[in-house]
N, C-alpha and C. Protein backbone atom coordinates (compact mmCIF):
# COMPACT_ATOMS: atom_id res chain seq x y z
N MET A 1 -22.50 7.15 16.21
CA MET A 1 -22.09 7.57 14.40
C MET A 1 -20.50 7.05 14.35
N ARG A 2 -20.07 5.87 13.11
CA ARG A 2 -18.13 5.31 13.52
C ARG A 2 -17.96 6.24 12.80
N PRO A 3 -16.24 6.57 13.52
CA PRO A 3 -15.77 8.18 12.96
C PRO A 3 -15.24 6.91 11.72
N GLU A 4 -14.48 7.64 10.50
CA GLU A 4 -14.76 7.40 9.45
C GLU A 4 -12.64 7.43 9.50
N ILE A 5 -12.71 6.59 8.17
CA ILE A 5 -10.65 6.50 7.33
C ILE A 5 -10.94 6.30 6.16
N ARG A 6 -10.30 6.72 6.18
CA ARG A 6 -9.60 7.27 5.40
C ARG A 6 -7.99 6.17 3.87
N ILE A 7 -8.62 5.27 2.61
CA ILE A 7 -7.63 5.25 2.45
C ILE A 7 -6.99 5.65 1.08
N ARG A 8 -5.75 6.81 1.25
CA ARG A 8 -5.79 7.26 0.18
C ARG A 8 -4.50 6.91 -1.42
N ASP A 9 -4.65 6.16 -2.09
CA ASP A 9 -3.34 5.89 -3.54
C ASP A 9 -2.64 7.14 -3.26
N ARG A 10 -1.38 6.16 -3.03
CA ARG A 10 -0.28 6.82 -2.52
C ARG A 10 0.54 7.88 -4.08
N ARG A 11 -0.78 6.80 -5.09
CA ARG A 11 0.68 7.37 -6.25
C ARG A 11 -0.05 8.16 -7.54
N ARG A 12 -1.57 7.95 -7.60
CA ARG A 12 -1.88 7.99 -7.83
C ARG A 12 -3.95 9.85 -7.11
N GLY A 13 -3.28 9.63 -6.05
CA GLY A 13 -4.39 10.33 -5.94
C GLY A 13 -5.54 10.32 -5.34
N VAL A 14 -5.94 9.09 -5.47
CA VAL A 14 -7.27 8.68 -5.40
C VAL A 14 -7.76 8.06 -3.32
N VAL A 15 -9.07 8.40 -3.05
CA VAL A 15 -8.79 8.45 -1.52
C VAL A 15 -11.04 7.29 -1.50
N VAL A 16 -10.30 6.55 -0.36
CA VAL A 16 -11.82 5.59 -0.63
C VAL A 16 -11.67 6.44 0.80
N VAL A 17 -13.57 7.00 0.61
CA VAL A 17 -13.96 7.32 2.49
C VAL A 17 -14.82 6.67 3.20
N ALA A 18 -14.96 5.14 4.53
CA ALA A 18 -15.45 4.79 4.72
C ALA A 18 -15.13 4.57 6.57
N LEU A 19 -15.86 3.76 5.93
CA LEU A 19 -16.57 4.02 8.08
C LEU A 19 -15.09 3.19 8.61
N LEU A 20 -15.55 2.75 9.78
CA LEU A 20 -13.57 1.97 10.96
C LEU A 20 -15.58 1.04 11.46
N GLY A 21 -15.16 -0.16 10.73
CA GLY A 21 -15.92 -1.48 10.56
C GLY A 21 -16.06 -1.37 12.17
N GLU A 22 -16.66 -2.78 12.40
CA GLU A 22 -16.60 -4.70 13.44
C GLU A 22 -15.04 -4.17 14.05
N GLY A 23 -14.95 -3.41 15.64
CA GLY A 23 -14.40 -4.21 16.23
C GLY A 23 -12.87 -3.36 15.54
N PRO A 24 -12.04 -3.58 16.50
CA PRO A 24 -10.50 -2.40 16.81
C PRO A 24 -9.61 -2.79 15.15
N ALA A 25 -9.12 -1.29 14.33
CA ALA A 25 -7.55 -2.03 13.73
C ALA A 25 -7.18 -3.61 14.84
N LYS A 26 -6.08 -4.21 14.70
CA LYS A 26 -4.86 -4.82 14.83
C LYS A 26 -3.90 -5.10 14.00
N PRO A 27 -2.52 -4.83 15.08
CA PRO A 27 -1.06 -4.23 14.62
C PRO A 27 -1.25 -5.67 15.06
N THR A 28 -0.19 -6.42 14.17
CA THR A 28 0.62 -7.79 14.51
C THR A 28 1.88 -7.18 13.66
N GLY A 29 3.14 -7.95 13.72
CA GLY A 29 4.45 -8.54 13.52
C GLY A 29 5.21 -7.52 14.00
N TYR A 30 4.86 -7.78 15.69
CA TYR A 30 5.89 -7.08 16.68
C TYR A 30 7.30 -8.37 16.80
N GLY A 31 7.65 -8.33 17.36
CA GLY A 31 9.05 -9.50 17.09
C GLY A 31 10.14 -9.33 16.83
N GLY A 32 10.79 -10.29 16.01
CA GLY A 32 11.89 -10.40 15.33
C GLY A 32 12.97 -10.99 15.72
N TRP A 33 13.13 -11.77 17.66
CA TRP A 33 14.06 -12.16 17.93
C TRP A 33 13.52 -13.25 17.86
N GLU A 34 14.76 -13.95 17.42
CA GLU A 34 15.54 -16.10 17.53
C GLU A 34 15.31 -16.91 17.69
N ALA A 35 16.54 -17.78 18.47
CA ALA A 35 17.53 -17.83 19.08
C ALA A 35 17.92 -18.91 18.11
N VAL A 36 19.45 -18.69 18.29
CA VAL A 36 19.81 -19.65 17.79
C VAL A 36 20.77 -21.23 17.90
N THR A 37 20.52 -22.07 17.90
CA THR A 37 21.26 -22.80 18.81
C THR A 37 22.69 -23.11 19.17
N ARG A 38 23.64 -23.21 19.80
CA ARG A 38 25.08 -23.76 19.64
C ARG A 38 24.74 -24.75 20.01
N PRO A 39 25.54 -25.18 20.05
CA PRO A 39 26.37 -26.94 20.61
C PRO A 39 26.59 -26.40 21.70
N LYS A 40 26.25 -27.50 22.74
CA LYS A 40 26.87 -27.65 24.14
C LYS A 40 26.08 -26.95 25.38
N ARG A 41 25.45 -25.83 24.64
CA ARG A 41 25.77 -24.42 25.74
C ARG A 41 24.20 -23.73 24.85
N VAL A 42 23.26 -23.29 25.84
CA VAL A 42 22.13 -22.21 25.72
C VAL A 42 22.05 -22.09 24.28
N PRO A 43 21.29 -21.50 24.08
CA PRO A 43 20.73 -21.10 23.05
C PRO A 43 20.80 -19.73 22.85
N MET A 44 21.82 -19.13 21.90
CA MET A 44 21.24 -17.68 22.26
C MET A 44 20.17 -16.60 21.33
N THR A 45 19.86 -15.57 21.92
CA THR A 45 18.79 -14.57 21.19
C THR A 45 19.47 -13.86 20.68
N ASP A 46 19.05 -14.27 19.66
CA ASP A 46 19.54 -13.28 17.66
C ASP A 46 17.74 -12.74 17.34
N TRP A 47 18.75 -10.63 17.26
CA TRP A 47 17.79 -9.84 16.66
C TRP A 47 18.26 -10.57 14.96
N PRO A 48 18.16 -10.99 13.61
CA PRO A 48 18.14 -10.62 12.16
C PRO A 48 17.48 -9.51 11.93
N ALA A 49 16.12 -8.31 12.45
CA ALA A 49 15.95 -7.91 11.71
C ALA A 49 14.31 -8.59 11.66
N GLY A 50 13.44 -7.01 12.11
CA GLY A 50 12.17 -6.45 12.90
C GLY A 50 11.68 -7.55 11.75
N ASP A 51 9.94 -8.44 12.44
CA ASP A 51 8.73 -8.76 11.51
C ASP A 51 8.98 -7.35 10.21
N ALA A 52 7.31 -7.87 9.38
CA ALA A 52 7.24 -6.37 8.64
C ALA A 52 5.07 -6.15 9.61
N LEU A 53 5.67 -5.38 9.64
CA LEU A 53 4.37 -5.15 10.87
C LEU A 53 2.55 -4.61 9.51
N ARG A 54 1.69 -5.54 10.66
CA ARG A 54 0.91 -6.07 9.59
C ARG A 54 -0.26 -5.23 10.29
N MET A 55 -1.54 -4.63 9.38
CA MET A 55 -2.94 -4.51 10.82
C MET A 55 -3.54 -4.68 9.40
N ALA A 56 -4.84 -5.12 10.95
CA ALA A 56 -5.42 -5.35 9.53
C ALA A 56 -6.76 -4.80 10.16
N LEU A 57 -7.34 -4.67 9.20
CA LEU A 57 -8.12 -3.04 8.95
C LEU A 57 -10.37 -3.33 8.71
N PRO A 58 -10.53 -3.47 9.53
CA PRO A 58 -12.05 -3.64 9.40
C PRO A 58 -12.90 -2.28 9.09
N ILE A 59 -13.51 -2.64 7.44
CA ILE A 59 -14.06 -0.42 7.38
C ILE A 59 -15.66 -1.49 6.92
N LEU A 60 -16.32 -0.31 6.95
CA LEU A 60 -17.74 -0.43 6.96
C LEU A 60 -17.72 0.57 5.42
N LEU A 61 -18.12 -0.10 4.00
CA LEU A 61 -18.42 0.56 2.58
C LEU A 61 -20.13 1.27 3.11
N ASP A 62 -20.46 2.36 3.36
CA ASP A 62 -22.43 2.34 3.41
C ASP A 62 -22.87 3.32 3.50
N GLY A 63 -23.93 3.45 2.53
CA GLY A 63 -24.49 4.38 1.48
C GLY A 63 -26.31 3.61 2.37
N PHE A 64 -26.29 3.23 3.12
CA PHE A 64 -27.79 2.68 2.72
C PHE A 64 -28.57 3.82 3.27
N ARG A 65 -28.30 4.83 4.14
CA ARG A 65 -29.77 5.74 4.82
C ARG A 65 -29.93 6.66 3.91
N THR A 66 -28.84 7.12 2.25
CA THR A 66 -29.55 7.68 2.28
C THR A 66 -29.16 7.13 0.31
N ASP A 67 -29.37 5.78 0.75
CA ASP A 67 -29.31 4.59 -1.45
C ASP A 67 -28.01 5.39 -1.77
N THR A 68 -27.16 5.96 -1.85
CA THR A 68 -25.63 5.43 -2.72
C THR A 68 -25.28 4.81 -3.14
N SER A 69 -24.74 4.45 -4.20
CA SER A 69 -23.53 3.39 -4.03
C SER A 69 -22.27 3.47 -4.54
N GLN A 70 -21.49 2.07 -3.83
CA GLN A 70 -20.82 2.58 -3.16
C GLN A 70 -19.68 1.35 -3.97
N GLN A 71 -19.78 0.94 -5.48
CA GLN A 71 -19.57 0.01 -6.76
C GLN A 71 -18.25 0.72 -7.23
N GLN A 72 -18.68 2.49 -7.22
CA GLN A 72 -16.84 3.20 -6.50
C GLN A 72 -15.90 2.92 -5.53
N LYS A 73 -16.44 3.11 -5.23
CA LYS A 73 -15.04 2.74 -3.80
C LYS A 73 -14.97 1.42 -3.69
N PHE A 74 -15.66 1.06 -3.97
CA PHE A 74 -15.72 -1.45 -4.09
C PHE A 74 -14.42 -0.88 -5.79
N ASP A 75 -14.92 -0.94 -6.46
CA ASP A 75 -13.00 -1.17 -7.08
C ASP A 75 -12.61 0.06 -7.41
N ARG A 76 -12.03 0.89 -6.57
CA ARG A 76 -11.32 1.73 -6.05
C ARG A 76 -10.13 0.36 -5.04
N LEU A 77 -10.87 0.27 -3.99
CA LEU A 77 -9.81 -1.13 -3.49
C LEU A 77 -9.63 -1.78 -4.01
N GLU A 78 -9.72 -2.46 -4.82
CA GLU A 78 -9.73 -3.02 -5.63
C GLU A 78 -9.16 -3.11 -6.25
N ASN A 79 -9.17 -2.16 -7.18
CA ASN A 79 -7.40 -1.47 -8.22
C ASN A 79 -6.15 -1.24 -6.83
N MET A 80 -6.40 -0.68 -6.08
CA MET A 80 -5.46 -0.51 -4.64
C MET A 80 -4.10 -2.12 -4.51
N ALA A 81 -4.78 -3.30 -5.08
CA ALA A 81 -5.50 -3.91 -4.15
C ALA A 81 -4.49 -5.26 -5.18
N ARG A 82 -5.22 -4.99 -6.77
CA ARG A 82 -4.52 -6.08 -8.06
C ARG A 82 -3.50 -5.30 -8.50
N LYS A 83 -2.19 -6.36 -8.99
CA LYS A 83 -1.25 -6.04 -9.33
C LYS A 83 -2.54 -5.55 -10.81
N LYS A 84 -1.32 -5.14 -12.06
CA LYS A 84 -2.47 -4.80 -13.16
C LYS A 84 -1.14 -4.91 -14.30
N GLY A 85 -1.03 -5.95 -15.36
CA GLY A 85 0.66 -6.62 -15.56
C GLY A 85 1.57 -6.31 -15.30
N ASN A 86 2.57 -5.81 -15.87
CA ASN A 86 3.95 -5.50 -14.35
C ASN A 86 4.46 -5.02 -13.61
N THR A 87 2.59 -3.56 -13.43
CA THR A 87 3.14 -2.72 -12.96
C THR A 87 2.51 -2.90 -10.90
N ARG A 88 3.43 -2.44 -10.22
CA ARG A 88 3.22 -3.77 -8.88
C ARG A 88 1.92 -2.20 -8.36
N PRO A 89 1.12 -2.71 -7.08
CA PRO A 89 -0.17 -2.63 -6.45
C PRO A 89 0.87 -1.70 -6.16
N PRO A 90 0.57 -0.52 -5.67
CA PRO A 90 0.18 1.46 -5.43
C PRO A 90 0.69 0.85 -4.13
N THR A 91 1.49 1.80 -3.18
CA THR A 91 1.16 2.03 -1.84
C THR A 91 0.21 2.99 -1.12
N VAL A 92 -0.69 2.40 0.30
CA VAL A 92 -0.97 3.57 0.61
C VAL A 92 -0.91 4.50 2.21
N ALA A 93 -2.00 5.10 2.13
CA ALA A 93 -1.72 5.84 3.72
C ALA A 93 -2.93 5.94 4.42
N ILE A 94 -3.03 5.82 5.31
CA ILE A 94 -4.23 5.36 6.04
C ILE A 94 -4.65 7.13 6.96
N ALA A 95 -5.47 7.11 7.11
CA ALA A 95 -5.82 8.53 7.65
C ALA A 95 -6.92 7.92 9.23
N GLY A 96 -7.45 8.20 9.93
CA GLY A 96 -8.19 8.16 11.27
C GLY A 96 -8.33 8.31 12.46
N PRO A 97 -8.93 7.23 12.42
CA PRO A 97 -8.67 6.89 14.81
C PRO A 97 -7.83 4.78 14.81
N VAL A 98 -6.83 5.17 13.60
CA VAL A 98 -6.57 4.05 14.24
C VAL A 98 -5.13 4.29 14.35
N HIS A 99 -4.38 2.96 14.46
CA HIS A 99 -2.19 3.00 14.83
C HIS A 99 -1.95 2.29 14.33
N HIS A 100 -0.71 3.66 12.90
CA HIS A 100 0.42 3.80 12.43
C HIS A 100 0.07 4.67 11.83
N THR A 101 -0.50 5.41 11.58
CA THR A 101 -1.34 6.28 10.93
C THR A 101 -0.13 7.06 9.39
N ASP A 102 1.79 6.99 10.23
CA ASP A 102 1.92 8.14 10.17
C ASP A 102 3.26 6.55 8.73
N ARG A 103 2.35 5.42 8.71
CA ARG A 103 2.72 4.66 7.97
C ARG A 103 3.38 4.46 6.95
N VAL A 104 3.88 3.27 5.70
CA VAL A 104 2.97 3.61 4.10
C VAL A 104 2.50 1.96 3.76
N TRP A 105 1.83 1.71 3.83
CA TRP A 105 1.21 0.95 3.50
C TRP A 105 1.61 -0.51 2.21
N VAL A 106 0.68 -1.77 2.25
CA VAL A 106 0.15 -1.98 0.63
C VAL A 106 -0.90 -2.24 2.04
N ILE A 107 -2.13 -2.66 0.50
CA ILE A 107 -3.48 -3.89 1.02
C ILE A 107 -2.35 -4.99 0.27
N GLU A 108 -2.45 -6.28 1.09
CA GLU A 108 -2.03 -7.06 1.24
C GLU A 108 -3.09 -8.26 0.90
N ASP A 109 -4.53 -8.07 1.12
CA ASP A 109 -5.40 -9.26 1.19
C ASP A 109 -6.78 -7.95 1.56
N ILE A 110 -7.61 -8.41 0.27
CA ILE A 110 -9.14 -8.24 1.43
C ILE A 110 -10.11 -9.11 1.08
N ASP A 111 -10.35 -9.30 2.64
CA ASP A 111 -12.30 -9.63 3.51
C ASP A 111 -13.31 -9.65 2.76
N TRP A 112 -13.63 -9.87 2.25
CA TRP A 112 -15.15 -8.68 1.62
C TRP A 112 -15.70 -9.37 2.37
N GLY A 113 -16.80 -9.34 3.21
CA GLY A 113 -17.67 -9.64 4.02
C GLY A 113 -18.96 -9.29 3.41
N ASP A 114 -20.36 -8.11 4.60
CA ASP A 114 -20.73 -8.80 3.75
C ASP A 114 -21.54 -7.50 3.33
N ALA A 115 -22.21 -7.54 2.81
CA ALA A 115 -23.29 -7.05 1.58
C ALA A 115 -24.76 -7.08 0.95
N TYR A 116 -25.09 -5.68 1.32
CA TYR A 116 -26.49 -4.86 0.23
C TYR A 116 -26.42 -4.72 -0.32
N ARG A 117 -27.74 -4.57 -1.58
CA ARG A 117 -28.10 -4.37 -2.67
C ARG A 117 -29.52 -4.10 -2.67
N ASN A 118 -29.68 -3.07 -3.15
CA ASN A 118 -31.16 -2.40 -3.16
C ASN A 118 -31.75 -2.51 -3.71
N ASP A 119 -33.27 -2.78 -4.41
CA ASP A 119 -34.37 -3.36 -4.74
C ASP A 119 -33.67 -3.04 -6.43
N ASP A 120 -32.90 -1.89 -7.28
CA ASP A 120 -32.74 -1.55 -8.17
C ASP A 120 -30.58 -2.28 -8.51
N GLY A 121 -29.97 -3.39 -7.04
CA GLY A 121 -29.49 -4.19 -7.39
C GLY A 121 -28.23 -3.04 -7.40
N VAL A 122 -28.53 -2.09 -6.55
CA VAL A 122 -27.20 -1.17 -6.68
C VAL A 122 -26.49 -1.55 -4.65
N LEU A 123 -25.39 -1.81 -4.72
CA LEU A 123 -24.03 -2.29 -4.13
C LEU A 123 -24.43 -1.03 -2.64
N VAL A 124 -24.60 -0.28 -2.10
CA VAL A 124 -25.52 0.21 -1.37
C VAL A 124 -24.15 -0.07 -0.28
N ARG A 125 -24.04 -1.46 0.90
CA ARG A 125 -23.04 -1.44 1.97
C ARG A 125 -22.88 -2.63 1.61
N GLN A 126 -21.24 -2.38 1.88
CA GLN A 126 -19.81 -2.97 1.69
C GLN A 126 -19.21 -3.75 3.01
N ALA A 127 -20.34 -4.66 3.73
CA ALA A 127 -18.29 -4.93 5.26
C ALA A 127 -16.27 -4.90 4.15
N ALA A 128 -15.90 -5.18 4.82
CA ALA A 128 -14.38 -5.93 4.46
C ALA A 128 -14.06 -5.73 5.81
N THR A 129 -12.20 -5.94 5.54
CA THR A 129 -11.54 -6.23 6.30
C THR A 129 -10.16 -6.46 4.98
N LEU A 130 -9.55 -5.14 5.42
CA LEU A 130 -8.20 -4.81 5.16
C LEU A 130 -7.07 -5.60 5.38
N SER A 131 -6.62 -5.75 5.12
CA SER A 131 -5.62 -7.09 5.90
C SER A 131 -3.75 -6.25 4.71
N LEU A 132 -3.27 -5.65 5.40
CA LEU A 132 -2.02 -4.45 6.03
C LEU A 132 -0.50 -4.88 5.86
N MET A 133 -0.53 -4.49 5.00
CA MET A 133 1.73 -4.27 6.01
C MET A 133 1.92 -3.50 5.75
N GLU A 134 3.66 -2.83 6.93
CA GLU A 134 4.14 -2.42 5.85
C GLU A 134 4.87 -1.98 5.12
N PHE A 135 5.03 -1.00 4.23
CA PHE A 135 6.16 -1.03 3.44
C PHE A 135 7.12 -0.29 3.85
N VAL A 136 8.43 -1.66 2.59
CA VAL A 136 9.57 -1.23 3.43
C VAL A 136 10.18 -0.83 2.08
N GLU A 137 10.88 0.21 1.83
CA GLU A 137 11.75 0.18 0.22
C GLU A 137 13.46 -0.64 0.39
N GLY A 138 13.27 -1.45 -0.02
CA GLY A 138 14.11 -2.00 -0.58
C GLY A 138 15.53 -1.51 -0.68
N ASP A 139 17.13 -1.68 -0.14
CA ASP A 139 18.41 -1.42 -1.00
C ASP A 139 18.51 -1.64 -1.50
N VAL A 140 18.74 -0.86 -2.49
CA VAL A 140 18.65 -1.38 -4.23
C VAL A 140 20.86 -0.98 -4.46
N ILE A 141 20.95 -1.55 -5.01
CA ILE A 141 22.70 -1.59 -5.56
C ILE A 141 22.82 -1.52 -6.72
N THR A 142 23.11 -1.12 -8.09
CA THR A 142 22.88 -1.51 -9.25
C THR A 142 24.20 -2.53 -9.81
N ALA A 143 24.57 -3.04 -10.81
CA ALA A 143 24.94 -4.24 -11.45
C ALA A 143 26.70 -3.39 -11.17
N SER A 144 25.89 -1.96 -11.26
CA SER A 144 27.42 -1.00 -12.09
C SER A 144 28.55 -1.13 -10.77
N GLN A 145 27.53 -0.20 -9.70
CA GLN A 145 28.45 0.28 -8.20
C GLN A 145 29.54 -1.30 -7.79
N ARG A 146 28.32 -2.84 -7.84
CA ARG A 146 29.51 -3.39 -7.80
C ARG A 146 30.46 -3.85 -8.20
N ALA A 147 30.16 -3.51 -9.77
CA ALA A 147 31.59 -4.03 -9.92
C ALA A 147 32.60 -2.91 -9.86
N ARG A 148 32.04 -1.71 -10.64
CA ARG A 148 33.32 -0.67 -9.53
C ARG A 148 33.65 -1.53 -8.83
N GLU A 149 33.11 -1.15 -6.93
CA GLU A 149 33.23 -1.69 -5.99
C GLU A 149 33.64 -2.19 -5.68
N GLN A 150 33.67 -4.16 -5.98
CA GLN A 150 34.44 -5.25 -5.57
C GLN A 150 35.56 -6.02 -6.14
N GLY A 151 35.60 -6.61 -5.14
CA GLY A 151 38.26 -6.59 -5.13
C GLY A 151 37.63 -7.93 -3.82
N PRO A 152 39.19 -7.78 -4.46
CA PRO A 152 39.82 -8.67 -4.01
C PRO A 152 39.74 -8.60 -1.97
N ILE A 153 39.03 -8.61 -0.96
CA ILE A 153 38.76 -8.13 0.51
C ILE A 153 39.52 -9.73 1.15
N GLY A 154 41.01 -8.99 1.93
CA GLY A 154 41.82 -10.24 3.29
C GLY A 154 41.75 -10.20 4.02
N PRO A 155 41.88 -10.62 4.57
CA PRO A 155 42.57 -10.65 5.67
C PRO A 155 42.39 -8.73 6.79
N GLY A 156 41.33 -8.58 7.39
CA GLY A 156 41.60 -7.55 8.13
C GLY A 156 41.36 -6.47 7.87
N ALA A 157 40.53 -6.74 6.33
CA ALA A 157 40.09 -5.56 5.89
C ALA A 157 39.24 -4.68 6.34
N ARG A 158 38.81 -3.21 6.08
CA ARG A 158 38.88 -2.75 7.31
C ARG A 158 38.11 -1.40 5.85
N TYR A 159 36.49 -0.58 6.29
CA TYR A 159 36.13 -0.31 5.02
C TYR A 159 35.12 1.38 6.34
N ASN A 160 34.99 2.67 5.62
CA ASN A 160 34.55 3.71 5.64
C ASN A 160 33.41 4.33 5.79
N ILE A 161 31.94 4.13 6.85
CA ILE A 161 31.52 4.33 6.02
C ILE A 161 30.54 5.82 5.95
N ARG A 162 29.61 6.06 4.29
CA ARG A 162 29.62 6.31 4.35
C ARG A 162 28.15 6.65 4.46
N PRO A 163 27.85 8.45 3.66
CA PRO A 163 26.75 8.97 4.49
C PRO A 163 25.19 8.03 3.85
N GLY A 164 24.28 7.60 4.73
CA GLY A 164 23.29 6.42 3.67
C GLY A 164 23.68 4.94 3.82
N ASP A 165 25.41 4.42 4.27
CA ASP A 165 25.38 2.71 4.32
C ASP A 165 24.67 2.23 5.17
N THR A 166 23.98 1.49 4.71
CA THR A 166 23.15 0.27 6.03
C THR A 166 24.07 -0.13 5.60
N LEU A 167 23.62 -2.03 6.07
CA LEU A 167 25.07 -3.08 7.11
C LEU A 167 24.62 -4.20 4.74
N MET A 168 23.50 -3.89 4.57
CA MET A 168 22.66 -4.74 3.17
C MET A 168 23.06 -4.22 2.07
N LYS A 169 23.04 -2.35 2.85
CA LYS A 169 24.37 -1.35 0.94
C LYS A 169 25.72 -1.87 0.94
N ILE A 170 26.04 -2.38 2.11
CA ILE A 170 28.23 -2.26 2.22
C ILE A 170 28.09 -3.52 2.26
N ALA A 171 27.09 -5.16 2.02
CA ALA A 171 27.51 -6.08 2.21
C ALA A 171 27.06 -6.88 0.63
N ALA A 172 25.67 -6.19 -0.51
CA ALA A 172 26.26 -6.06 -1.74
C ALA A 172 27.01 -5.63 -2.64
N ARG A 173 27.41 -3.63 -2.16
CA ARG A 173 28.11 -2.74 -3.50
C ARG A 173 29.76 -3.69 -2.99
N LYS A 174 30.32 -4.48 -1.96
CA LYS A 174 31.16 -5.05 -1.24
C LYS A 174 31.83 -6.37 -1.32
N LEU A 175 30.54 -7.08 -0.83
CA LEU A 175 30.31 -8.28 -1.49
C LEU A 175 29.56 -9.70 -2.30
N GLY A 176 29.24 -7.99 -2.93
CA GLY A 176 27.65 -8.68 -3.73
C GLY A 176 26.53 -9.65 -3.91
N LYS A 177 26.87 -9.75 -3.25
CA LYS A 177 25.39 -9.90 -1.90
C LYS A 177 24.75 -9.46 -1.04
N ALA A 178 23.92 -8.63 -0.57
CA ALA A 178 23.00 -8.06 0.81
C ALA A 178 22.57 -8.83 1.22
N ASP A 179 22.47 -9.98 0.86
CA ASP A 179 21.73 -11.08 2.50
C ASP A 179 23.09 -11.19 3.27
N ARG A 180 24.87 -10.98 3.10
CA ARG A 180 25.65 -11.85 3.00
C ARG A 180 25.86 -10.53 4.61
N TRP A 181 24.93 -9.00 4.33
CA TRP A 181 24.71 -9.17 5.67
C TRP A 181 25.48 -9.35 6.89
N LYS A 182 25.04 -10.69 6.97
CA LYS A 182 25.43 -11.19 8.92
C LYS A 182 26.09 -11.18 8.88
N GLU A 183 27.22 -11.73 7.89
CA GLU A 183 28.72 -12.39 8.48
C GLU A 183 29.39 -10.40 8.52
N ILE A 184 29.01 -9.42 8.34
CA ILE A 184 29.22 -7.73 8.58
C ILE A 184 29.15 -7.71 9.40
N ALA A 185 27.16 -7.75 10.86
CA ALA A 185 26.40 -7.85 11.08
C ALA A 185 27.98 -8.69 12.45
N ASP A 186 28.72 -9.55 12.22
CA ASP A 186 28.57 -10.64 13.65
C ASP A 186 30.09 -10.23 14.16
N LEU A 187 30.86 -10.04 12.72
CA LEU A 187 32.27 -9.23 12.60
C LEU A 187 32.60 -8.01 13.51
N ASN A 188 30.53 -7.28 13.85
CA ASN A 188 31.52 -6.05 14.22
C ASN A 188 30.09 -5.38 15.98
N ASN A 189 29.61 -6.78 15.76
CA ASN A 189 28.51 -6.70 16.47
C ASN A 189 26.95 -5.70 16.90
N LEU A 190 27.25 -5.27 15.28
CA LEU A 190 26.07 -4.30 14.85
C LEU A 190 24.72 -5.42 14.73
N ARG A 191 23.22 -5.14 14.16
CA ARG A 191 22.16 -5.91 14.76
C ARG A 191 21.18 -5.36 12.74
N ASP A 192 20.43 -4.38 13.08
CA ASP A 192 19.34 -4.13 11.97
C ASP A 192 20.47 -3.48 10.61
N PRO A 193 20.01 -4.62 9.73
CA PRO A 193 20.20 -4.21 8.39
C PRO A 193 20.53 -3.35 7.84
N ARG A 194 19.15 -3.36 7.54
CA ARG A 194 18.69 -1.64 7.39
C ARG A 194 18.62 -0.06 8.00
N ARG A 195 19.37 -0.14 9.11
CA ARG A 195 18.99 1.15 9.62
C ARG A 195 20.97 1.63 9.36
N LYS A 196 20.27 3.06 9.59
CA LYS A 196 21.82 3.72 8.47
C LYS A 196 22.47 3.73 9.45
N LEU A 197 24.27 4.24 9.05
CA LEU A 197 25.46 3.29 9.82
C LEU A 197 26.05 5.42 10.62
N PRO A 198 26.51 5.91 11.43
CA PRO A 198 26.90 7.19 10.90
C PRO A 198 28.30 7.41 10.74
N THR A 199 28.54 7.80 9.89
CA THR A 199 29.56 8.08 9.55
C THR A 199 31.02 8.08 9.63
N ASN A 200 30.95 8.20 10.99
CA ASN A 200 31.72 8.60 11.98
C ASN A 200 33.04 6.43 11.73
N LEU A 201 32.42 6.00 11.15
CA LEU A 201 32.33 5.15 11.91
C LEU A 201 33.29 3.25 10.87
N GLN A 202 34.16 3.15 11.51
CA GLN A 202 34.83 2.31 10.35
C GLN A 202 35.09 0.79 10.92
N ILE A 203 34.84 0.05 10.00
CA ILE A 203 34.71 -1.61 10.02
C ILE A 203 35.17 -2.18 8.80
N GLN A 204 34.96 -3.81 9.70
CA GLN A 204 35.90 -4.72 9.89
C GLN A 204 35.06 -5.53 8.28
N LEU A 205 35.00 -6.13 7.36
CA LEU A 205 34.54 -6.21 6.50
C LEU A 205 35.36 -8.18 6.71
N PRO A 206 34.57 -9.28 6.17
CA PRO A 206 35.13 -10.40 5.98
C PRO A 206 35.47 -10.53 4.67
N GLU A 207 36.28 -11.90 4.39
CA GLU A 207 37.49 -12.20 3.13
C GLU A 207 36.42 -12.13 2.25
N ARG A 208 36.36 -11.95 0.94
CA ARG A 208 35.96 -12.39 -0.03
C ARG A 208 37.11 -13.21 -1.38
């Protein structure tokens, strides 16, 4: 008997129970290193950020032996992946004997495989492969925060880290653009834009 996989809509609590399909779940997205070219020198190895973790998860919706319709599960999975109006699709949680069940995911795509319908045309078996992407909440800085904190930044300006600060948050708040985190990172020999920084740290800011 194949092991069960549970896919749960974290917004509505709807659960789809399926069997693990053919082959194992395959995580990808390791790495994140890149070679930065330098004039007349060996390229510098840099870590701009980790790639998004992805996983291909084969599943089987199976009611063949009991002649049970799988249409509701099919519809629920589609609802977890498709955008409706201005509402983004929900995040999902995965449970079962697969990797990274502690992560939060979004369904990037569904590759519907072989299907079987009974004599009445009822869908009783459906194979699929879910393309999952790890969900990472963005660093959000409001316009009022930017307006309140931005001002001229001169040479040698320093900044005291606050609880919950990341390079992206500091760049958005002090420099006006989150993507300027790399300038702060280069000045202070830091790398991860989303990692929370220690509150006893003081860093240097680029001029603005």
